[in-house]
C-alpha atoms as a PDB file:
ATOM      1  CA  MET A   1       0.365  -0.470   0.188  1.00  0.00           C
ATOM      2  CA  THR A   2       1.194   3.475  -1.018  1.00  0.00           C
ATOM      3  CA  ARG A   3       1.463   6.151   1.485  1.00  0.00           C
ATOM      4  CA  THR A   4      -1.344   7.886  -0.635  1.00  0.00           C
ATOM      5  CA  GLN A   5      -3.001   5.080   0.066  1.00  0.00           C
ATOM      6  CA  ILE A   6      -2.855   4.939   3.979  1.00  0.00           C
ATOM      7  CA  ALA A   7      -3.064   8.335   4.532  1.00  0.00           C
ATOM      8  CA  ILE A   8      -6.507   8.411   2.136  1.00  0.00           C
ATOM      9  CA  THR A   9      -7.744   5.320   4.204  1.00  0.00           C
ATOM     10  CA  THR A  10      -6.820   6.374   7.670  1.00  0.00           C
ATOM     11  CA  GLN A  11      -8.603   9.821   6.457  1.00  0.00           C
ATOM     12  CA  PHE A  12     -11.412   8.106   5.415  1.00  0.00           C
ATOM     13  CA  ASN A  13     -11.873   4.859   8.341  1.00  0.00           C
ATOM     14  CA  VAL A  14     -11.978   2.353   5.514  1.00  0.00           C
ATOM     15  CA  THR A  15     -10.376  -0.295   3.766  1.00  0.00           C
ATOM     16  CA  LEU A  16      -8.700  -0.597   0.050  1.00  0.00           C
ATOM     17  CA  GLN A  17     -11.317  -3.275   0.465  1.00  0.00           C
ATOM     18  CA  GLN A  18     -14.967  -1.368   0.841  1.00  0.00           C
ATOM     19  CA  ILE A  19     -12.665   1.112  -1.902  1.00  0.00           C
ATOM     20  CA  ASP A  20     -12.296  -1.767  -4.196  1.00  0.00           C
ATOM     21  CA  ARG A  21     -16.069  -1.946  -3.570  1.00  0.00           C
ATOM     22  CA  CYS A  22     -17.216   1.327  -5.156  1.00  0.00           C
ATOM     23  CA  ASP A  23     -17.775   1.977  -8.251  1.00  0.00           C
ATOM     24  CA  LYS A  24     -18.156   5.585  -9.802  1.00  0.00           C
ATOM     25  CA  VAL A  25     -21.262   6.139 -12.689  1.00  0.00           C
ATOM     26  CA  VAL A  26     -22.051   9.218 -14.366  1.00  0.00           C
ATOM     27  CA  ASP A  27     -25.124   9.660 -15.322  1.00  0.00           C
ATOM     28  CA  TYR A  28     -25.417  11.854 -18.396  1.00  0.00           C
ATOM     29  CA  GLY A  29     -28.980  12.807 -18.876  1.00  0.00           C
ATOM     30  CA  ARG A  30     -29.279  13.994 -15.443  1.00  0.00           C
ATOM     31  CA  ARG A  31     -25.755  15.189 -15.637  1.00  0.00           C
ATOM     32  CA  LYS A  32     -24.432  13.757 -11.918  1.00  0.00           C
ATOM     33  CA  CYS A  33     -21.789  11.248 -11.123  1.00  0.00           C
ATOM     34  CA  PHE A  34     -22.427   8.883  -7.924  1.00  0.00           C
ATOM     35  CA  TYR A  35     -21.471   5.584  -6.544  1.00  0.00           C
ATOM     36  CA  GLN A  36     -22.499   2.100  -6.693  1.00  0.00           C
ATOM     37  CA  VAL A  37     -21.290   0.114  -2.913  1.00  0.00           C
ATOM     38  CA  GLU A  38     -21.095  -3.124  -2.943  1.00  0.00           C
ATOM     39  CA  SER A  39     -22.448  -4.551   0.496  1.00  0.00           C
ATOM     40  CA  GLN A  40     -20.238  -6.247   2.173  1.00  0.00           C
ATOM     41  CA  SER A  41     -23.264  -9.191   3.396  1.00  0.00           C
ATOM     42  CA  GLN A  42     -25.435  -9.625   0.840  1.00  0.00           C
ATOM     43  CA  PRO A  43     -23.647 -10.059  -2.027  1.00  0.00           C
ATOM     44  CA  ASP A  44     -25.955  -9.025  -4.438  1.00  0.00           C
ATOM     45  CA  MET A  45     -26.633  -5.957  -3.017  1.00  0.00           C
ATOM     46  CA  THR A  46     -25.326  -2.306  -4.262  1.00  0.00           C
ATOM     47  CA  TYR A  47     -26.330   0.345  -2.650  1.00  0.00           C
ATOM     48  CA  HIS A  48     -26.304   4.417  -4.327  1.00  0.00           C
ATOM     49  CA  VAL A  49     -23.891   6.931  -2.744  1.00  0.00           C
ATOM     50  CA  GLU A  50     -24.360  10.535  -4.306  1.00  0.00           C
ATOM     51  CA  TRP A  51     -23.841  13.864  -3.390  1.00  0.00           C
ATOM     52  CA  ASN A  52     -27.442  16.187  -3.537  1.00  0.00           C
ATOM     53  CA  GLY A  53     -25.878  19.088  -1.340  1.00  0.00           C
ATOM     54  CA  LYS A  54     -25.375  15.976   0.964  1.00  0.00           C
ATOM     55  CA  LEU A  55     -23.517  13.391   0.657  1.00  0.00           C
ATOM     56  CA  THR A  56     -26.801  10.645   0.662  1.00  0.00           C
ATOM     57  CA  CYS A  57     -26.849   6.403   0.793  1.00  0.00           C
ATOM     58  CA  THR A  58     -29.567   3.908   0.223  1.00  0.00           C
ATOM     59  CA  CYS A  59     -28.240   1.656   3.027  1.00  0.00           C
ATOM     60  CA  LYS A  60     -30.578   1.653   6.817  1.00  0.00           C
ATOM     61  CA  GLY A  61     -27.273   2.431   8.481  1.00  0.00           C
ATOM     62  CA  ALA A  62     -27.502   6.694   6.264  1.00  0.00           C
ATOM     63  CA  GLN A  63     -31.113   6.539   6.080  1.00  0.00           C
ATOM     64  CA  ALA A  64     -31.500   6.841  10.277  1.00  0.00           C
ATOM     65  CA  GLY A  65     -29.267   9.123  10.025  1.00  0.00           C
ATOM     66  CA  TYR A  66     -26.095   7.099  10.435  1.00  0.00           C
ATOM     67  CA  THR A  67     -22.574   8.194   8.249  1.00  0.00           C
ATOM     68  CA  CYS A  68     -22.518   4.471   6.944  1.00  0.00           C
ATOM     69  CA  TRP A  69     -19.201   3.016   5.122  1.00  0.00           C
ATOM     70  CA  HIS A  70     -20.265   2.771   1.686  1.00  0.00           C
ATOM     71  CA  MET A  71     -19.978   7.045   1.987  1.00  0.00           C
ATOM     72  CA  ARG A  72     -16.928   6.947   3.523  1.00  0.00           C
ATOM     73  CA  ALA A  73     -15.343   4.525   1.174  1.00  0.00           C
ATOM     74  CA  ALA A  74     -17.702   6.348  -2.151  1.00  0.00           C
ATOM     75  CA  LEU A  75     -14.780   9.795  -0.603  1.00  0.00           C
ATOM     76  CA  ALA A  76     -11.658   8.078  -0.145  1.00  0.00           C
ATOM     77  CA  SER A  77     -12.606   6.222  -3.390  1.00  0.00           C
ATOM     78  CA  GLU A  78     -13.375   9.401  -5.241  1.00  0.00           C
ATOM     79  CA  GLU A  79      -9.711  11.197  -3.265  1.00  0.00           C
ATOM     80  CA  LEU A  80      -7.766   8.267  -4.284  1.00  0.00           C
ATOM     81  CA  ARG A  81      -9.197   8.559  -8.196  1.00  0.00           C
ATOM     82  CA  LYS A  82      -8.517  12.621  -8.329  1.00  0.00           C
ATOM     83  CA  THR A  83      -4.654  12.254  -6.408  1.00  0.00           C
ATOM     84  CA  ALA A  84      -3.941   9.273  -9.197  1.00  0.00           C
ATOM     85  CA  LEU A  85      -5.259  12.079 -11.852  1.00  0.00           C
ATOM     86  CA  ARG A  86      -2.965  14.641 -10.710  1.00  0.00           C
ATOM     87  CA  SER A  87      -0.336  12.402 -10.252  1.00  0.00           C
ATOM     88  CA  ARG A  88      -0.948  11.872 -13.827  1.00  0.00           C
ATOM     89  CA  GLN A  89      -0.653  14.778 -14.711  1.00  0.00           C
ATOM     90  CA  ALA A  90       2.052  16.143 -13.659  1.00  0.00           C
ATOM     91  CA  GLU A  91       4.177  13.196 -14.834  1.00  0.00           C
ATOM     92  CA  GLN A  92       2.207  14.174 -18.050  1.00  0.00           C
ATOM     93  CA  ALA A  93       3.738  18.070 -17.669  1.00  0.00           C
ATOM     94  CA  GLU A  94       7.061  16.292 -16.753  1.00  0.00           C
ATOM     95  CA  VAL A  95       7.719  14.366 -20.330  1.00  0.00           C
ATOM     96  CA  GLU A  96       6.096  17.078 -22.087  1.00  0.00           C
ATOM     97  CA  LYS A  97       9.253  19.201 -21.191  1.00  0.00           C
ATOM     98  CA  THR A  98      11.695  16.547 -22.160  1.00  0.00           C
ATOM     99  CA  GLU A  99      13.778  17.613 -25.301  1.00  0.00           C
ATOM    100  CA  ALA A 100      12.932  14.340 -26.536  1.00  0.00           C
ATOM    101  CA  TYR A 101       9.167  15.028 -26.715  1.00  0.00           C
ATOM    102  CA  LYS A 102       8.895  18.376 -28.109  1.00  0.00           C
ATOM    103  CA  LEU A 103      10.943  16.632 -30.543  1.00  0.00           C
ATOM    104  CA  GLU A 104       8.349  14.277 -31.473  1.00  0.00           C
ATOM    105  CA  GLN A 105       5.269  16.431 -31.449  1.00  0.00           C
ATOM    106  CA  MET A 106       7.529  19.216 -33.928  1.00  0.00           C
ATOM    107  CA  MET A 107       7.895  15.474 -36.836  1.00  0.00           C
ATOM    108  CA  HIS A 108       4.234  14.076 -36.310  1.00  0.00           C
ATOM    109  CA  GLU A 109       3.578  18.334 -36.870  1.00  0.00           C
ATOM    110  CA  LEU A 110       5.770  17.935 -39.621  1.00  0.00           C
ATOM    111  CA  GLU A 111       3.791  14.403 -40.756  1.00  0.00           C
ATOM    112  CA  GLU A 112       0.620  16.629 -40.809  1.00  0.00           C
ATOM    113  CA  SER A 113       1.935  19.181 -42.375  1.00  0.00           C
ATOM    114  CA  GLN A 114       2.773  17.364 -45.505  1.00  0.00           C
ATOM    115  CA  ALA A 115       0.083  15.541 -45.461  1.00  0.00           C
ATOM    116  CA  GLU A 116      -1.905  18.539 -46.158  1.00  0.00           C
ATOM    117  CA  LEU A 117       0.095  19.363 -48.939  1.00  0.00           C
ATOM    118  CA  ASP A 118       0.490  16.577 -50.361  1.00  0.00           C
ATOM    119  CA  ALA A 119      -3.832  16.388 -50.288  1.00  0.00           C
ATOM    120  CA  TYR A 120      -2.740  20.052 -51.651  1.00  0.00           C
ATOM    121  CA  LEU A 121      -0.900  18.540 -54.683  1.00  0.00           C
ATOM    122  CA  ALA A 122      -2.974  16.122 -55.259  1.00  0.00           C
ATOM    123  CA  GLU A 123      -6.176  17.959 -55.655  1.00  0.00           C
ATOM    124  CA  VAL A 124      -3.962  20.786 -57.748  1.00  0.00           C
ATOM    125  CA  ASP A 125      -3.133  17.568 -60.202  1.00  0.00           C
ATOM    126  CA  ARG A 126      -6.547  16.148 -60.430  1.00  0.00           C
ATOM    127  CA  ARG A 127      -8.264  20.159 -61.814  1.00  0.00           C
ATOM    128  CA  ALA A 128      -5.656  20.488 -63.983  1.00  0.00           C
ATOM    129  CA  ALA A 129      -5.757  17.155 -65.904  1.00  0.00           C
ATOM    130  CA  GLN A 130      -9.856  17.473 -65.452  1.00  0.00           C
ATOM    131  CA  GLU A 131      -9.020  20.754 -67.433  1.00  0.00           C
ATOM    132  CA  ARG A 132      -6.778  19.257 -70.193  1.00  0.00           C
ATOM    133  CA  ARG A 133      -9.637  16.606 -70.771  1.00  0.00           C
ATOM    134  CA  GLN A 134     -12.415  19.582 -71.028  1.00  0.00           C
ATOM    135  CA  HIS A 135      -9.565  22.180 -73.065  1.00  0.00           C
ATOM    136  CA  GLY A 136      -8.003  19.330 -75.227  1.00  0.00           C
ATOM    137  CA  ALA A 137      -4.524  19.466 -75.231  1.00  0.00           C
ATOM    138  CA  LEU A 138      -2.501  22.602 -75.730  1.00  0.00           C
ATOM    139  CA  ASN A 139      -1.933  22.104 -79.203  1.00  0.00           C
ATOM    140  CA  TYR A 140      -5.641  21.110 -79.834  1.00  0.00           C
ATOM    141  CA  ASN A 141      -4.676  18.273 -80.969  1.00  0.00           C
ATOM    142  CA  ARG A 142      -2.735  19.020 -84.481  1.00  0.00           C
ATOM    143  CA  GLY A 143       0.763  16.822 -84.764  1.00  0.00           C
ATOM    144  CA  PHE A 144       3.459  18.761 -84.167  1.00  0.00           C
ATOM    145  CA  SER A 145       5.916  20.502 -86.462  1.00  0.00           C
ATOM    146  CA  LEU A 146       8.756  23.132 -86.472  1.00  0.00           C
ATOM    147  CA  LEU A 147       7.121  24.224 -90.056  1.00  0.00           C
ATOM    148  CA  LYS A 148       3.676  26.445 -90.265  1.00  0.00           C
END
């Protein structure tokens, strides 16, 4: 267990096993996020943990006014998720500072520019060929001769 995991599990008084029972759900229709938390005592049961101005859970303990472990585990899970995201962003920022990354980005931009130029030149060639077909050759289909 990492120091971050220890700190978060201690702060929220939950175990990693309890956190592992949490699944974040994004409901795009309602524009809400919530957690589905598996029950420890009933294998087929999941509880709905959501923030509605205050943290709520559908378990009996929370309905009776207690702060259940489902709510604490959902909060801990969210905190771990945010911590991991900040860590990945910091790593990405470090990678983006390197000369190798900058060179790779320049190469990618060069390849994209080359592809755009190739497409443009292909279009110019296509239009020129179409114009030649429409108007005939420059010598108007007469044979070549140096004499008048």
